[in-house]
């Protein structure tokens, strides 16, 4: 029987937004499993040791084409693309300028399109290619102060299904992971801004029926599950990694 680690040995992976938070954990998990991994981010600080640090902005198609193309050329193919790069926005439907809305969509949604377009010629050279998009529990759960961010993640989840339908006949599997509240530096910063940081953190924990935030490591492992070689039936799937937020209705 082939072990989980064996299914990743020598696979070539690209992770956008790999220098911090969830993306950093994804890079680390894939590297530890035996992948040759490149992070694409605005800088190199924070990229796990052993991974290739590529610098590009997902708002710049030419920069992505150059960075991903060079990495693909060096290895002859790309087996895994993880579209993780994204930014959050706190506010209601009345908050944010038109420029804010265009900027967040440009990064969170159009950025995934650009990275995928840059990677597809190299993914087509793989015998077992996988794309994993990073969605969010906000795509299907109404959370306060998340109108803009939720809109982008709803778009990501819908786009994932359409991408899966378009690419399945080429042997390229497309899926997404939908985390709950992940214990990242961004959430720590939000808590720190509150009048009572400890109470704010407890509020974030309480969103999940499990009573705890999701760890970045858990998200990385979910990405690996979908990206592993041989996962031929994982297509157009959403892994909800949200502590039961989407499925459970707990008594108050």
Protein backbone atom coordinates (compact mmCIF):
# COMPACT_ATOMS: atom_id res chain seq x y z
CA UNK A 1 0.00 0.00 0.00
CA UNK A 2 1.31 3.47 -0.90
CA UNK A 3 1.69 5.75 2.10
CA UNK A 4 0.33 9.30 2.19
CA UNK A 5 3.87 10.65 2.19
CA UNK A 6 4.80 8.57 -0.87
CA UNK A 7 1.96 10.19 -2.83
CA UNK A 8 3.65 13.59 -2.44
CA UNK A 9 7.31 12.72 -2.98
CA UNK A 10 8.70 14.87 -5.78
CA UNK A 11 5.39 16.56 -6.62
CA UNK A 12 5.78 20.15 -7.77
CA UNK A 13 3.57 22.65 -5.95
CA UNK A 14 2.89 26.39 -6.10
CA UNK A 15 1.12 28.20 -3.25
CA UNK A 16 0.05 31.82 -3.60
CA UNK A 17 0.20 33.88 -0.44
CA UNK A 18 2.66 31.41 1.04
CA UNK A 19 4.64 33.75 3.28
CA UNK A 20 2.17 34.14 6.15
CA UNK A 21 -0.90 32.73 7.86
CA UNK A 22 -2.75 29.89 6.16
CA UNK A 23 -0.51 29.95 3.08
CA UNK A 24 2.61 29.61 5.19
CA UNK A 25 1.12 26.53 6.87
CA UNK A 26 0.14 25.04 3.50
CA UNK A 27 3.69 25.48 2.20
CA UNK A 28 5.09 23.85 5.33
CA UNK A 29 2.73 20.87 5.18
CA UNK A 30 3.39 20.20 1.50
CA UNK A 31 7.14 20.58 1.96
CA UNK A 32 7.13 18.21 4.94
CA UNK A 33 5.25 15.64 2.86
CA UNK A 34 7.95 15.69 0.20
CA UNK A 35 6.76 18.25 -2.35
CA UNK A 36 9.00 20.70 -4.12
CA UNK A 37 7.18 23.89 -3.17
CA UNK A 38 7.23 27.49 -4.32
CA UNK A 39 5.55 30.33 -2.44
CA UNK A 40 4.34 33.31 -4.41
CA UNK A 41 3.89 36.41 -2.28
CA UNK A 42 4.73 40.11 -2.14
CA UNK A 43 7.93 39.32 -0.25
CA UNK A 44 10.15 36.48 0.89
CA UNK A 45 10.04 36.98 4.67
CA UNK A 46 8.09 34.19 6.34
CA UNK A 47 8.43 31.61 3.58
CA UNK A 48 9.25 28.27 5.27
CA UNK A 49 12.79 26.98 4.95
CA UNK A 50 13.25 24.62 2.03
CA UNK A 51 10.60 26.27 -0.14
CA UNK A 52 11.37 28.49 -3.12
CA UNK A 53 10.33 32.09 -2.46
CA UNK A 54 8.96 33.79 -5.58
CA UNK A 55 7.88 37.42 -5.53
CA UNK A 56 4.81 38.48 -7.52
CA UNK A 57 1.53 40.28 -6.99
CA UNK A 58 -1.60 38.33 -7.94
CA UNK A 59 -2.90 41.58 -9.44
CA UNK A 60 -0.12 41.45 -12.06
CA UNK A 61 -0.60 38.80 -14.76
CA UNK A 62 2.79 39.40 -16.34
CA UNK A 63 4.58 38.96 -13.01
CA UNK A 64 2.68 35.74 -12.31
CA UNK A 65 3.39 34.41 -15.78
CA UNK A 66 7.09 35.09 -15.28
CA UNK A 67 7.36 33.62 -11.76
CA UNK A 68 5.21 30.55 -12.32
CA UNK A 69 6.61 30.01 -15.81
CA UNK A 70 10.19 30.00 -14.52
CA UNK A 71 9.34 27.54 -11.75
CA UNK A 72 7.43 25.30 -14.15
CA UNK A 73 10.25 25.44 -16.67
CA UNK A 74 12.79 24.49 -14.01
CA UNK A 75 10.84 21.36 -13.03
CA UNK A 76 9.12 20.50 -16.30
CA UNK A 77 5.62 20.66 -14.87
CA UNK A 78 3.46 21.78 -11.95
CA UNK A 79 1.37 19.16 -10.13
CA UNK A 80 -0.38 21.29 -7.51
CA UNK A 81 -1.61 24.88 -7.50
CA UNK A 82 -2.99 26.25 -4.23
CA UNK A 83 -4.81 29.54 -4.80
CA UNK A 84 -4.58 30.94 -1.30
CA UNK A 85 -3.60 34.61 -1.64
CA UNK A 86 -6.31 36.87 -0.29
CA UNK A 87 -7.08 39.78 1.98
CA UNK A 88 -9.89 40.43 4.41
CA UNK A 89 -12.11 43.44 4.90
CA UNK A 90 -14.13 44.31 7.97
CA UNK A 91 -17.36 46.20 7.43
CA UNK A 92 -21.02 46.15 6.47
CA UNK A 93 -22.49 46.70 3.02
CA UNK A 94 -22.28 50.45 3.69
CA UNK A 95 -18.56 50.38 4.39
CA UNK A 96 -15.69 50.66 1.97
CA UNK A 97 -15.32 52.80 -1.11
CA UNK A 98 -15.84 51.56 -4.65
CA UNK A 99 -12.06 51.33 -4.84
CA UNK A 100 -12.01 49.06 -1.75
CA UNK A 101 -14.56 46.72 -3.30
CA UNK A 102 -12.72 46.56 -6.61
CA UNK A 103 -9.37 45.99 -4.84
CA UNK A 104 -10.59 43.12 -2.66
CA UNK A 105 -12.30 41.40 -5.60
CA UNK A 106 -9.18 41.97 -7.72
CA UNK A 107 -7.03 40.12 -5.19
CA UNK A 108 -9.40 37.46 -3.84
CA UNK A 109 -11.18 36.43 -7.03
CA UNK A 110 -9.45 37.78 -10.13
CA UNK A 111 -6.09 36.98 -8.55
CA UNK A 112 -7.04 33.30 -8.47
CA UNK A 113 -7.95 33.49 -12.15
CA UNK A 114 -4.59 35.05 -12.99
CA UNK A 115 -2.56 32.49 -11.04
CA UNK A 116 -4.55 29.64 -12.60
CA UNK A 117 -4.05 30.99 -16.11
CA UNK A 118 -0.31 31.24 -15.48
CA UNK A 119 -0.12 27.69 -14.07
CA UNK A 120 -2.39 25.83 -16.49
CA UNK A 121 0.22 25.22 -19.24
CA UNK A 122 2.40 23.53 -16.60
CA UNK A 123 -0.45 21.71 -14.86
CA UNK A 124 -1.32 20.18 -18.23
CA UNK A 125 2.12 18.55 -18.24
CA UNK A 126 1.36 16.71 -14.99
CA UNK A 127 0.06 13.15 -14.88
CA UNK A 128 -2.04 13.98 -11.80
CA UNK A 129 -2.75 17.69 -11.47
CA UNK A 130 -4.75 19.37 -8.73
CA UNK A 131 -5.90 22.90 -8.00
CA UNK A 132 -7.11 23.80 -4.51
CA UNK A 133 -8.80 27.17 -3.99
CA UNK A 134 -9.13 28.76 -0.57
CA UNK A 135 -12.72 29.66 0.23
CA UNK A 136 -14.16 30.55 3.64
CA UNK A 137 -17.09 29.73 5.88
CA UNK A 138 -18.26 33.28 5.13
CA UNK A 139 -19.26 32.09 1.65
CA UNK A 140 -22.35 30.38 3.08
CA UNK A 141 -22.66 31.69 6.65
CA UNK A 142 -23.82 35.21 7.39
CA UNK A 143 -21.23 36.75 9.69
CA UNK A 144 -21.50 40.39 10.79
CA UNK A 145 -19.02 42.90 9.41
CA UNK A 146 -17.97 40.67 6.52
CA UNK A 147 -20.12 41.78 3.55
CA UNK A 148 -17.30 42.43 1.09
CA UNK A 149 -15.10 39.52 2.14
CA UNK A 150 -18.09 37.15 2.08
CA UNK A 151 -18.99 38.27 -1.42
CA UNK A 152 -15.52 37.42 -2.70
CA UNK A 153 -15.47 34.01 -1.04
CA UNK A 154 -18.92 33.17 -2.39
CA UNK A 155 -17.52 33.96 -5.82
CA UNK A 156 -14.49 31.74 -5.16
CA UNK A 157 -16.68 28.80 -4.18
CA UNK A 158 -18.88 29.17 -7.27
CA UNK A 159 -15.87 29.66 -9.52
CA UNK A 160 -14.32 26.48 -8.11
CA UNK A 161 -17.27 24.40 -9.26
CA UNK A 162 -17.16 25.92 -12.75
CA UNK A 163 -13.39 25.42 -12.98
CA UNK A 164 -13.82 21.80 -11.94
CA UNK A 165 -16.37 21.23 -14.68
CA UNK A 166 -14.14 22.85 -17.29
CA UNK A 167 -10.95 21.00 -16.38
CA UNK A 168 -12.06 17.54 -15.23
CA UNK A 169 -11.85 16.07 -18.74
CA UNK A 170 -8.20 17.19 -18.91
CA UNK A 171 -7.42 15.28 -15.74
CA UNK A 172 -7.00 18.46 -13.66
CA UNK A 173 -8.98 18.23 -10.44
CA UNK A 174 -10.30 21.43 -8.84
CA UNK A 175 -11.57 21.60 -5.26
CA UNK A 176 -11.69 24.08 -2.42
CA UNK A 177 -11.25 24.27 1.34
CA UNK A 178 -13.66 26.38 3.38
CA UNK A 179 -12.19 27.15 6.80
CA UNK A 180 -13.94 28.69 9.75
CA UNK A 181 -12.19 31.29 11.89
CA UNK A 182 -8.50 30.43 11.58
CA UNK A 183 -6.06 31.32 14.33
CA UNK A 184 -3.79 33.52 12.21
CA UNK A 185 -1.86 36.71 12.97
CA UNK A 186 -4.70 38.65 11.29
CA UNK A 187 -7.21 37.38 13.86
CA UNK A 188 -4.74 38.13 16.66
CA UNK A 189 -4.46 41.68 15.34
CA UNK A 190 -8.24 42.08 15.24
CA UNK A 191 -8.49 40.87 18.83
CA UNK A 192 -5.71 43.21 19.91
CA UNK A 193 -7.59 46.21 18.53
CA UNK A 194 -10.65 45.47 20.69
CA UNK A 195 -11.19 47.17 24.07
CA UNK A 196 -11.03 43.72 25.67
CA UNK A 197 -8.69 41.55 23.55
CA UNK A 198 -9.28 38.41 25.63
CA UNK A 199 -13.06 38.74 25.28
CA UNK A 200 -12.71 39.34 21.55
CA UNK A 201 -10.59 36.22 21.14
CA UNK A 202 -13.14 34.23 23.14
CA UNK A 203 -15.80 35.53 20.72
CA UNK A 204 -13.78 34.27 17.77
CA UNK A 205 -13.39 30.87 19.45
CA UNK A 206 -17.10 30.67 20.22
CA UNK A 207 -18.09 31.06 16.56
CA UNK A 208 -17.23 27.41 16.05
CA UNK A 209 -19.45 24.84 17.82
CA UNK A 210 -16.20 23.15 18.84
CA UNK A 211 -15.36 26.24 20.90
CA UNK A 212 -11.97 26.75 19.28
CA UNK A 213 -10.56 28.43 16.21
CA UNK A 214 -9.21 26.33 13.36
CA UNK A 215 -5.43 25.93 13.31
CA UNK A 216 -3.50 26.82 10.13
CA UNK A 217 -1.96 23.33 10.27
CA UNK A 218 -5.43 21.78 9.96
CA UNK A 219 -6.08 23.85 6.84
CA UNK A 220 -2.75 22.79 5.35
CA UNK A 221 -3.60 19.15 5.96
CA UNK A 222 -7.02 19.57 4.30
CA UNK A 223 -5.33 21.09 1.25
CA UNK A 224 -2.95 18.13 1.16
CA UNK A 225 -5.84 15.68 1.31
CA UNK A 226 -7.34 17.20 -1.85
CA UNK A 227 -4.00 17.63 -3.62
CA UNK A 228 -2.58 14.17 -3.04
CA UNK A 229 -1.77 11.96 -6.01
CA UNK A 230 -4.44 9.38 -6.65
CA UNK A 231 -7.35 11.37 -5.20
CA UNK A 232 -9.16 10.89 -8.48
CA UNK A 233 -12.70 11.18 -7.10
CA UNK A 234 -12.12 14.43 -5.24
CA UNK A 235 -13.46 16.83 -7.87
CA UNK A 236 -15.67 19.87 -7.34
CA UNK A 237 -15.57 19.25 -3.60
CA UNK A 238 -15.73 21.66 -0.69
CA UNK A 239 -14.09 20.61 2.56
CA UNK A 240 -15.75 22.53 5.39
CA UNK A 241 -13.13 22.92 8.08
CA UNK A 242 -15.17 25.14 10.34
CA UNK A 243 -15.70 23.35 13.64
CA UNK A 244 -19.30 22.58 12.68
CA UNK A 245 -20.28 26.18 11.95
CA UNK A 246 -22.00 25.41 8.66
CA UNK A 247 -23.72 22.14 9.54
CA UNK A 248 -24.60 22.36 13.21
CA UNK A 249 -27.32 24.40 14.92
CA UNK A 250 -26.42 24.50 18.58
CA UNK A 251 -28.85 25.50 21.38
CA UNK A 252 -28.16 28.93 22.83
